[in-house]
Amino acid sequence: MARSPVVIDASIAVRLVLPDSLRDDCRALVGRLIDEDSELFAPALWSYETTSALCKAVHLGHLTAGEARGSLDALTRLGVVLLPPDDNQNRQAMEWTFRLGRGAAYDSYYLAVAEMLRCDYWTADAALVTAASRPWVRLVARA
């Protein structure tokens, strides 16, 4: 049986390893997705966003460098399949950005990947869920 694809964004991944009010909810969601044998996907920028968030946490004194390295290893072990952008993904991300009325396309890449895979997209960004207004764009707090 083929595994079901699911897109998760960096806002969820970072909350798995950093202190946050949604940490337990994010852990429960990812645990459930893994138990359900879902295959986790994200656009390639997921790795840049998660690494940057960990580095920022070190810079602000929320983590030690060793803790950040361990957290990066933990995120790598999730096995998120990172999809590099191609012409189609770039076009879809651009269209999502225009639809959302935004000046940057970062969030739109996640929407484009989920749309391409025809799967749910989980985020901790309530404003994005509201703006996208699609049933497959899911907020982690509702997990």
Protein backbone atom coordinates (compact mmCIF):
# COMPACT_ATOMS: atom_id res chain seq x y z
CA MET A 1 0.00 0.00 0.00
CA ALA A 2 1.34 3.44 -0.95
CA ARG A 3 2.00 5.89 1.82
CA SER A 4 -0.24 8.96 1.95
CA PRO A 5 1.58 12.25 1.34
CA VAL A 6 1.27 15.13 3.80
CA VAL A 7 3.01 18.50 3.68
CA ILE A 8 4.28 20.00 6.93
CA ASP A 9 5.87 23.38 7.16
CA ALA A 10 8.83 24.70 9.09
CA SER A 11 6.56 26.32 11.68
CA ILE A 12 5.57 22.85 12.85
CA ALA A 13 9.08 21.38 12.62
CA VAL A 14 10.65 24.16 14.65
CA ARG A 15 8.00 23.79 17.35
CA LEU A 16 8.89 20.12 17.69
CA VAL A 17 12.31 21.03 19.06
CA LEU A 18 11.99 24.54 20.52
CA PRO A 19 10.02 25.60 23.60
CA ASP A 20 6.63 26.82 22.37
CA SER A 21 2.99 26.80 23.50
CA LEU A 22 2.13 24.55 20.51
CA ARG A 23 5.01 22.14 21.09
CA ASP A 24 2.85 19.32 22.47
CA ASP A 25 0.25 19.79 19.72
CA CYS A 26 2.95 19.68 17.03
CA ARG A 27 4.49 16.57 18.56
CA ALA A 28 1.08 14.89 18.74
CA LEU A 29 0.34 15.75 15.12
CA VAL A 30 3.66 14.53 13.76
CA GLY A 31 3.43 11.40 15.91
CA ARG A 32 -0.04 10.69 14.55
CA LEU A 33 1.11 11.27 10.95
CA ILE A 34 4.01 8.88 11.45
CA ASP A 35 1.74 6.29 13.12
CA GLU A 36 -0.60 6.57 10.14
CA ASP A 37 2.40 5.88 7.87
CA SER A 38 2.08 9.24 6.13
CA GLU A 39 4.99 10.35 3.99
CA LEU A 40 6.07 13.86 5.00
CA PHE A 41 6.87 16.36 2.24
CA ALA A 42 7.97 20.00 2.06
CA PRO A 43 9.49 22.34 -0.47
CA ALA A 44 13.29 22.49 -0.32
CA LEU A 45 13.15 25.81 1.53
CA TRP A 46 12.00 23.83 4.60
CA SER A 47 15.62 22.97 5.34
CA TYR A 48 16.71 26.62 5.09
CA GLU A 49 13.89 27.76 7.34
CA THR A 50 14.42 25.11 10.01
CA THR A 51 18.20 25.57 10.08
CA SER A 52 17.83 29.35 10.26
CA ALA A 53 15.33 29.09 13.12
CA LEU A 54 17.72 26.88 15.09
CA CYS A 55 20.62 29.27 14.47
CA LYS A 56 18.46 32.19 15.56
CA ALA A 57 17.52 30.31 18.75
CA VAL A 58 21.24 29.91 19.52
CA HIS A 59 21.90 33.57 18.72
CA LEU A 60 19.12 34.66 21.10
CA GLY A 61 20.33 32.31 23.85
CA HIS A 62 17.34 29.95 23.74
CA LEU A 63 19.51 26.94 22.77
CA THR A 64 23.16 26.05 22.98
CA ALA A 65 24.99 25.23 19.78
CA GLY A 66 25.04 21.58 20.85
CA GLU A 67 21.29 21.57 21.43
CA ALA A 68 20.75 23.14 18.01
CA ARG A 69 22.90 20.45 16.37
CA GLY A 70 20.91 17.75 18.16
CA SER A 71 17.64 19.39 17.12
CA LEU A 72 18.77 19.54 13.51
CA ASP A 73 19.60 15.84 13.68
CA ALA A 74 16.14 15.13 15.13
CA LEU A 75 14.46 17.05 12.30
CA THR A 76 16.55 15.17 9.75
CA ARG A 77 15.40 11.86 11.24
CA LEU A 78 11.79 12.81 10.44
CA GLY A 79 12.64 11.89 6.86
CA VAL A 80 10.80 14.82 5.30
CA VAL A 81 11.06 14.50 1.53
CA LEU A 82 12.24 17.87 0.23
CA LEU A 83 11.07 18.80 -3.25
CA PRO A 84 13.36 21.19 -5.13
CA PRO A 85 11.55 23.88 -7.07
CA ASP A 86 10.87 23.34 -10.73
CA ASP A 87 9.07 25.53 -13.27
CA ASN A 88 5.65 24.19 -12.29
CA GLN A 89 6.23 24.64 -8.55
CA ASN A 90 7.54 28.17 -9.14
CA ARG A 91 4.48 29.09 -11.21
CA GLN A 92 2.06 27.61 -8.67
CA ALA A 93 3.83 29.41 -5.81
CA MET A 94 3.62 32.66 -7.72
CA GLU A 95 -0.10 32.22 -8.33
CA TRP A 96 -0.68 31.43 -4.64
CA THR A 97 1.28 34.53 -3.67
CA PHE A 98 -0.89 36.68 -5.95
CA ARG A 99 -4.08 35.04 -4.62
CA LEU A 100 -3.00 35.68 -1.04
CA GLY A 101 -2.05 39.27 -1.84
CA ARG A 102 1.41 38.83 -0.38
CA GLY A 103 4.77 40.27 -1.33
CA ALA A 104 6.79 37.10 -0.64
CA ALA A 105 6.30 33.55 -1.91
CA TYR A 106 7.76 31.48 0.93
CA ASP A 107 4.46 30.18 2.33
CA SER A 108 3.14 29.76 -1.20
CA TYR A 109 5.71 27.07 -1.96
CA TYR A 110 4.17 24.87 0.73
CA LEU A 111 0.72 25.47 -0.75
CA ALA A 112 2.04 24.68 -4.23
CA VAL A 113 3.59 21.39 -3.08
CA ALA A 114 0.43 20.31 -1.26
CA GLU A 115 -1.68 21.23 -4.26
CA MET A 116 0.65 19.32 -6.57
CA LEU A 117 0.55 16.23 -4.30
CA ARG A 118 -3.20 16.65 -3.66
CA CYS A 119 -2.74 16.28 0.06
CA ASP A 120 -3.22 18.06 3.37
CA TYR A 121 -0.84 20.82 4.34
CA TRP A 122 -0.28 21.31 8.08
CA THR A 123 0.97 24.61 9.48
CA ALA A 124 1.04 26.50 12.77
CA ASP A 125 0.33 29.77 10.92
CA ALA A 126 -3.32 30.64 11.62
CA ALA A 127 -3.23 33.69 9.36
CA LEU A 128 -2.09 31.57 6.43
CA VAL A 129 -4.85 29.01 7.05
CA THR A 130 -7.42 31.80 7.03
CA ALA A 131 -5.96 33.48 3.94
CA ALA A 132 -5.65 30.26 1.92
CA SER A 133 -9.21 29.24 2.81
CA ARG A 134 -8.92 25.66 1.58
CA PRO A 135 -10.07 22.60 3.54
CA TRP A 136 -6.74 20.86 2.93
CA VAL A 137 -4.79 23.70 4.61
CA ARG A 138 -4.90 22.62 8.23
CA LEU A 139 -3.95 24.36 11.47
CA VAL A 140 -1.99 22.30 13.98
CA ALA A 141 -4.04 23.60 16.91
CA ARG A 142 -7.00 21.76 15.44
CA ALA A 143 -5.17 18.45 15.17
